[in-house]
């Protein structure tokens, strides 16, 4: 137990446990940092599949349209490059953003951004006029080619950033509550008093059981598991436009798994779990003692 300190009320508070995420607890995040490399491999297979499909099933269509669309081969190449790799990377940027996976969307966006900027510089260096028809195609080709080396650079940058972020995180359990602190560019610190924690959840997969790491998620005293459903059916409100819509939404309150909102990937989480359970049960014990005391007074009256 560390040296006691003082809280804002002036009373002493003691640190019962101080820890941080273990590198083994960040294995999943390290794997997600490799997303750009996986997307390069996926893009390569998708491009081969698209070109193979066009060559096998639509050669006659392409040949018949050549007199009417002289640049149909360039149009095909343009479409393929927009799908693979650019479209694939954009899709994973959106998926990572929506699912709150910074390792996915930052790596994908960084790789695509660096490749596009380098492609623009190379196109300008070649001296192609800005309004030339070949300029967009040259840019797409350079971007598609440069994504391969820049994917490795993006992976290295995101891995280094993730490891730096892990090293800044500190978790503390005191007699007053729990503290979670960390951040690279901007430091964040959360303090949750024990009486505001309704329960705690321990998550540990097979890999975590093997390395003795896990995640502890504190859940607030508000009702957990409550659901909200929204349904709607109605016609479109635009003139001369007949349409109908149907919507359904369902939400459930759950604890955040962001490393600054929980004890993410800590070593020996069972010990921290037992300590937290002991601390959050103290108000209930005091409440039971007070209730028993009041009951005795009532019986004497």
Protein backbone atom coordinates (compact mmCIF):
# COMPACT_ATOMS: atom_id res chain seq x y z
CA UNK A 1 0.00 0.00 0.00
CA UNK A 2 1.40 3.39 -0.97
CA UNK A 3 1.70 6.50 1.17
CA UNK A 4 -1.68 8.08 2.06
CA UNK A 5 -2.66 11.30 0.29
CA UNK A 6 -5.43 13.84 0.81
CA UNK A 7 -8.59 14.31 -1.24
CA UNK A 8 -10.45 17.56 -1.92
CA UNK A 9 -12.42 17.23 1.31
CA UNK A 10 -9.20 17.12 3.34
CA UNK A 11 -9.52 13.50 4.50
CA UNK A 12 -6.84 10.94 3.87
CA UNK A 13 -7.09 8.52 0.98
CA UNK A 14 -4.81 5.54 0.48
CA UNK A 15 -3.76 3.88 -2.77
CA UNK A 16 -4.76 0.23 -2.59
CA UNK A 17 -3.64 -0.81 -6.08
CA UNK A 18 -1.74 0.89 -8.92
CA UNK A 19 -1.35 -0.83 -12.26
CA UNK A 20 -1.36 -0.25 -16.02
CA UNK A 21 -2.22 -2.25 -19.16
CA UNK A 22 0.10 -5.16 -19.75
CA UNK A 23 1.65 -5.50 -23.24
CA UNK A 24 0.02 -8.94 -23.50
CA UNK A 25 -3.34 -7.29 -22.84
CA UNK A 26 -2.83 -5.09 -25.90
CA UNK A 27 -2.21 -7.99 -28.30
CA UNK A 28 -5.58 -7.54 -30.03
CA UNK A 29 -4.87 -3.84 -30.53
CA UNK A 30 -1.42 -4.61 -31.92
CA UNK A 31 -3.02 -7.00 -34.42
CA UNK A 32 -5.56 -4.34 -35.44
CA UNK A 33 -2.63 -2.00 -36.14
CA UNK A 34 -1.70 -4.37 -39.00
CA UNK A 35 -4.95 -3.52 -40.83
CA UNK A 36 -3.26 -1.65 -43.73
CA UNK A 37 -1.15 -4.71 -44.56
CA UNK A 38 -4.24 -6.94 -44.52
CA UNK A 39 -6.10 -4.47 -46.76
CA UNK A 40 -3.24 -4.48 -49.29
CA UNK A 41 -3.52 -8.26 -49.54
CA UNK A 42 -7.32 -8.07 -49.83
CA UNK A 43 -7.06 -5.37 -52.50
CA UNK A 44 -4.63 -7.44 -54.48
CA UNK A 45 -6.99 -10.45 -54.54
CA UNK A 46 -10.05 -8.28 -55.29
CA UNK A 47 -8.31 -6.61 -58.22
CA UNK A 48 -7.29 -9.98 -59.68
CA UNK A 49 -10.86 -11.24 -59.21
CA UNK A 50 -12.42 -8.22 -60.92
CA UNK A 51 -10.03 -8.29 -63.87
CA UNK A 52 -10.46 -12.06 -64.19
CA UNK A 53 -14.25 -11.72 -64.17
CA UNK A 54 -14.18 -9.01 -66.85
CA UNK A 55 -11.78 -10.98 -69.03
CA UNK A 56 -13.69 -14.23 -68.67
CA UNK A 57 -17.32 -13.17 -68.83
CA UNK A 58 -17.43 -9.77 -70.51
CA UNK A 59 -14.76 -9.67 -73.25
CA UNK A 60 -17.32 -9.49 -76.03
CA UNK A 61 -19.20 -6.66 -74.35
CA UNK A 62 -16.02 -4.66 -73.96
CA UNK A 63 -15.08 -5.23 -77.60
CA UNK A 64 -18.52 -4.26 -78.89
CA UNK A 65 -18.54 -1.02 -76.90
CA UNK A 66 -15.08 0.06 -78.04
CA UNK A 67 -16.33 1.92 -81.20
CA UNK A 68 -18.80 3.90 -79.07
CA UNK A 69 -16.56 4.35 -76.02
CA UNK A 70 -12.96 4.50 -77.24
CA UNK A 71 -11.60 4.87 -73.70
CA UNK A 72 -13.57 1.97 -72.26
CA UNK A 73 -10.38 0.18 -71.19
CA UNK A 74 -9.29 3.26 -69.25
CA UNK A 75 -12.76 3.51 -67.77
CA UNK A 76 -12.54 -0.12 -66.65
CA UNK A 77 -9.14 0.46 -65.07
CA UNK A 78 -10.45 3.60 -63.37
CA UNK A 79 -13.41 1.71 -61.93
CA UNK A 80 -11.27 -1.17 -60.70
CA UNK A 81 -8.80 1.19 -59.00
CA UNK A 82 -11.64 3.09 -57.32
CA UNK A 83 -12.91 -0.19 -55.90
CA UNK A 84 -9.58 -1.76 -55.09
CA UNK A 85 -7.66 -0.43 -53.25
CA UNK A 86 -9.20 3.03 -52.68
CA UNK A 87 -12.76 1.92 -52.05
CA UNK A 88 -11.67 -0.89 -49.72
CA UNK A 89 -9.54 1.47 -47.63
CA UNK A 90 -12.33 4.06 -47.42
CA UNK A 91 -14.79 1.37 -46.28
CA UNK A 92 -12.47 0.25 -43.47
CA UNK A 93 -11.89 3.84 -42.40
CA UNK A 94 -15.67 4.17 -41.97
CA UNK A 95 -15.96 0.77 -40.24
CA UNK A 96 -13.17 1.60 -37.80
CA UNK A 97 -14.70 5.01 -37.06
CA UNK A 98 -18.19 3.63 -36.44
CA UNK A 99 -16.97 0.70 -34.31
CA UNK A 100 -14.60 2.99 -32.37
CA UNK A 101 -11.49 1.08 -33.39
CA UNK A 102 -8.83 3.81 -33.73
CA UNK A 103 -6.15 1.29 -34.72
CA UNK A 104 -8.22 0.36 -37.78
CA UNK A 105 -9.37 3.72 -39.08
CA UNK A 106 -6.21 5.70 -38.30
CA UNK A 107 -3.94 3.20 -40.02
CA UNK A 108 -6.19 2.94 -43.07
CA UNK A 109 -6.67 6.72 -43.33
CA UNK A 110 -2.95 7.40 -42.83
CA UNK A 111 -1.94 4.90 -45.51
CA UNK A 112 -4.49 6.22 -48.01
CA UNK A 113 -3.66 9.84 -47.25
CA UNK A 114 0.10 9.40 -47.59
CA UNK A 115 -0.33 7.47 -50.84
CA UNK A 116 -2.62 10.12 -52.31
CA UNK A 117 -0.30 13.00 -51.40
CA UNK A 118 2.73 11.18 -52.79
CA UNK A 119 0.76 10.32 -55.93
CA UNK A 120 -0.17 13.98 -56.43
CA UNK A 121 3.47 15.01 -56.09
CA UNK A 122 4.57 12.39 -58.61
CA UNK A 123 1.86 13.37 -61.10
CA UNK A 124 2.87 17.01 -60.83
CA UNK A 125 6.52 16.03 -61.14
CA UNK A 126 5.85 14.20 -64.41
CA UNK A 127 4.47 17.46 -65.79
CA UNK A 128 1.04 16.25 -66.83
CA UNK A 129 -1.35 19.20 -67.24
CA UNK A 130 -3.91 19.46 -64.48
CA UNK A 131 -6.84 19.27 -66.92
CA UNK A 132 -5.46 16.39 -68.92
CA UNK A 133 -7.67 13.32 -69.18
CA UNK A 134 -4.84 11.06 -68.09
CA UNK A 135 -4.18 12.99 -64.88
CA UNK A 136 -6.88 11.29 -62.73
CA UNK A 137 -5.87 7.88 -64.08
CA UNK A 138 -2.20 8.57 -63.33
CA UNK A 139 -3.11 9.65 -59.82
CA UNK A 140 -5.16 6.49 -59.21
CA UNK A 141 -2.40 4.29 -60.56
CA UNK A 142 0.27 5.97 -58.46
CA UNK A 143 -1.96 5.85 -55.37
CA UNK A 144 -2.73 2.17 -55.90
CA UNK A 145 0.97 1.43 -56.32
CA UNK A 146 2.19 3.56 -53.39
CA UNK A 147 -0.35 2.10 -50.97
CA UNK A 148 1.84 -1.00 -50.79
CA UNK A 149 4.99 0.64 -49.32
CA UNK A 150 3.03 3.23 -47.34
CA UNK A 151 0.98 0.48 -45.68
CA UNK A 152 4.13 -0.68 -43.90
CA UNK A 153 4.96 2.90 -42.86
CA UNK A 154 1.42 3.40 -41.55
CA UNK A 155 1.62 0.15 -39.56
CA UNK A 156 4.91 1.21 -37.93
CA UNK A 157 3.51 4.65 -37.01
CA UNK A 158 0.24 3.29 -35.57
CA UNK A 159 2.06 0.53 -33.65
CA UNK A 160 4.45 3.06 -32.11
CA UNK A 161 1.55 5.37 -31.25
CA UNK A 162 -0.48 2.54 -29.66
CA UNK A 163 2.48 1.43 -27.55
CA UNK A 164 3.14 5.01 -26.46
CA UNK A 165 -0.53 5.35 -25.52
CA UNK A 166 -0.37 2.13 -23.49
CA UNK A 167 2.66 3.37 -21.55
CA UNK A 168 0.87 6.58 -20.53
CA UNK A 169 -2.11 4.77 -18.96
CA UNK A 170 -2.29 4.44 -15.18
CA UNK A 171 -5.04 2.75 -13.18
CA UNK A 172 -5.40 3.36 -9.45
CA UNK A 173 -7.77 1.98 -6.83
CA UNK A 174 -7.95 4.13 -3.71
CA UNK A 175 -10.13 4.10 -0.64
CA UNK A 176 -12.28 6.78 -2.30
CA UNK A 177 -12.69 5.37 -5.79
CA UNK A 178 -10.94 4.41 -9.00
CA UNK A 179 -8.83 6.62 -11.26
CA UNK A 180 -7.99 6.13 -14.92
CA UNK A 181 -5.41 8.44 -16.46
CA UNK A 182 -3.57 8.53 -19.78
CA UNK A 183 -3.22 10.05 -23.21
CA UNK A 184 -0.50 11.06 -25.67
CA UNK A 185 -1.49 14.46 -27.04
CA UNK A 186 -4.08 15.22 -24.38
CA UNK A 187 -4.07 13.78 -20.89
CA UNK A 188 -7.41 12.52 -19.59
CA UNK A 189 -8.20 11.53 -16.04
CA UNK A 190 -11.41 9.97 -14.74
CA UNK A 191 -12.29 9.47 -11.10
CA UNK A 192 -15.30 7.34 -10.12
CA UNK A 193 -16.25 7.11 -6.43
CA UNK A 194 -16.95 3.61 -5.18
CA UNK A 195 -20.55 4.46 -4.26
CA UNK A 196 -21.26 5.32 -7.93
CA UNK A 197 -20.22 1.86 -9.14
CA UNK A 198 -23.10 -0.57 -9.28
CA UNK A 199 -21.07 -3.61 -10.25
CA UNK A 200 -17.91 -4.62 -12.09
CA UNK A 201 -17.46 -7.04 -15.00
CA UNK A 202 -14.35 -9.11 -15.65
CA UNK A 203 -13.73 -9.98 -19.31
CA UNK A 204 -11.04 -12.54 -20.07
CA UNK A 205 -10.79 -14.59 -23.25
CA UNK A 206 -8.70 -17.72 -23.74
CA UNK A 207 -5.66 -15.70 -24.70
CA UNK A 208 -6.09 -13.58 -21.58
CA UNK A 209 -6.43 -16.69 -19.42
CA UNK A 210 -3.20 -18.00 -20.90
CA UNK A 211 -1.27 -14.80 -20.16
CA UNK A 212 -3.18 -13.94 -16.93
CA UNK A 213 -4.48 -10.62 -18.26
CA UNK A 214 -8.02 -9.29 -18.49
CA UNK A 215 -10.26 -6.24 -18.55
CA UNK A 216 -12.36 -4.93 -15.67
CA UNK A 217 -15.35 -2.81 -16.69
CA UNK A 218 -17.05 -0.66 -14.02
CA UNK A 219 -20.79 -0.26 -14.47
CA UNK A 220 -22.56 2.72 -12.96
CA UNK A 221 -25.44 2.55 -10.51
CA UNK A 222 -27.95 3.39 -13.28
CA UNK A 223 -30.08 0.45 -14.50
CA UNK A 224 -28.06 -1.91 -16.70
CA UNK A 225 -29.64 -3.86 -19.53
CA UNK A 226 -32.43 -1.38 -20.23
CA UNK A 227 -33.47 -1.28 -23.86
CA UNK A 228 -34.98 1.41 -26.06
CA UNK A 229 -36.74 0.50 -29.28
CA UNK A 230 -37.87 2.90 -32.01
CA UNK A 231 -40.06 1.77 -34.87
CA UNK A 232 -41.65 3.78 -37.65
CA UNK A 233 -43.52 3.29 -40.89
CA UNK A 234 -44.64 6.15 -43.11
CA UNK A 235 -44.94 7.50 -46.67
CA UNK A 236 -42.53 9.91 -48.27
CA UNK A 237 -43.45 13.59 -48.00
CA UNK A 238 -42.09 14.72 -51.37
CA UNK A 239 -44.55 15.76 -54.03
CA UNK A 240 -45.13 13.25 -56.87
CA UNK A 241 -42.89 10.78 -55.08
CA UNK A 242 -44.43 7.64 -53.61
CA UNK A 243 -42.22 5.94 -51.05
CA UNK A 244 -42.41 4.21 -47.70
CA UNK A 245 -39.99 3.82 -44.87
CA UNK A 246 -39.45 1.41 -42.01
CA UNK A 247 -37.00 1.86 -39.19
CA UNK A 248 -35.99 -0.05 -36.09
CA UNK A 249 -33.43 0.81 -33.46
CA UNK A 250 -32.49 -0.95 -30.26
CA UNK A 251 -30.01 0.14 -27.64
CA UNK A 252 -28.62 -1.44 -24.48
CA UNK A 253 -26.56 0.25 -21.85
CA UNK A 254 -23.14 -1.35 -21.59
CA UNK A 255 -19.78 -0.41 -20.16
CA UNK A 256 -17.15 1.16 -22.37
CA UNK A 257 -14.09 -0.88 -23.29
CA UNK A 258 -11.97 2.13 -24.17
CA UNK A 259 -8.68 1.90 -22.20
CA UNK A 260 -9.38 5.20 -20.42
CA UNK A 261 -12.88 4.12 -19.36
CA UNK A 262 -12.00 0.75 -17.82
CA UNK A 263 -9.09 -1.28 -16.51
CA UNK A 264 -8.04 -2.60 -19.91
CA UNK A 265 -5.73 -5.60 -20.26
CA UNK A 266 -4.26 -5.50 -16.75
CA UNK A 267 -2.21 -8.30 -15.21
CA UNK A 268 -3.87 -10.55 -12.62
CA UNK A 269 -7.30 -8.95 -12.99
CA UNK A 270 -8.83 -11.31 -10.41
CA UNK A 271 -7.05 -9.51 -7.59
CA UNK A 272 -8.24 -6.09 -8.77
CA UNK A 273 -11.75 -7.53 -9.22
CA UNK A 274 -11.86 -8.85 -5.66
CA UNK A 275 -10.57 -5.55 -4.29
CA UNK A 276 -13.16 -3.53 -6.21
CA UNK A 277 -15.98 -5.81 -5.10
CA UNK A 278 -14.88 -5.34 -1.51
CA UNK A 279 -14.75 -1.55 -1.84
CA UNK A 280 -18.10 -1.09 -3.60
CA UNK A 281 -19.84 -3.34 -1.03
CA UNK A 282 -18.88 -1.07 1.89
CA UNK A 283 -21.74 1.45 1.44
CA UNK A 284 -24.23 -1.42 1.37
CA UNK A 285 -22.80 -2.84 4.58
CA UNK A 286 -22.99 0.54 6.28
CA UNK A 287 -26.55 0.96 5.01
CA UNK A 288 -27.54 -2.40 6.48
CA UNK A 289 -25.96 -1.47 9.80
CA UNK A 290 -27.85 1.84 9.87
CA UNK A 291 -31.11 0.11 8.96
CA UNK A 292 -30.62 -2.42 11.77
CA UNK A 293 -29.85 0.39 14.21
CA UNK A 294 -32.97 2.36 13.21
CA UNK A 295 -35.05 -0.81 13.50
CA UNK A 296 -33.88 -1.29 17.10
CA UNK A 297 -34.80 2.30 17.93
CA UNK A 298 -38.23 1.84 16.36
CA UNK A 299 -38.84 -1.32 18.38
CA UNK A 300 -38.01 0.50 21.63
CA UNK A 301 -40.46 3.29 20.92
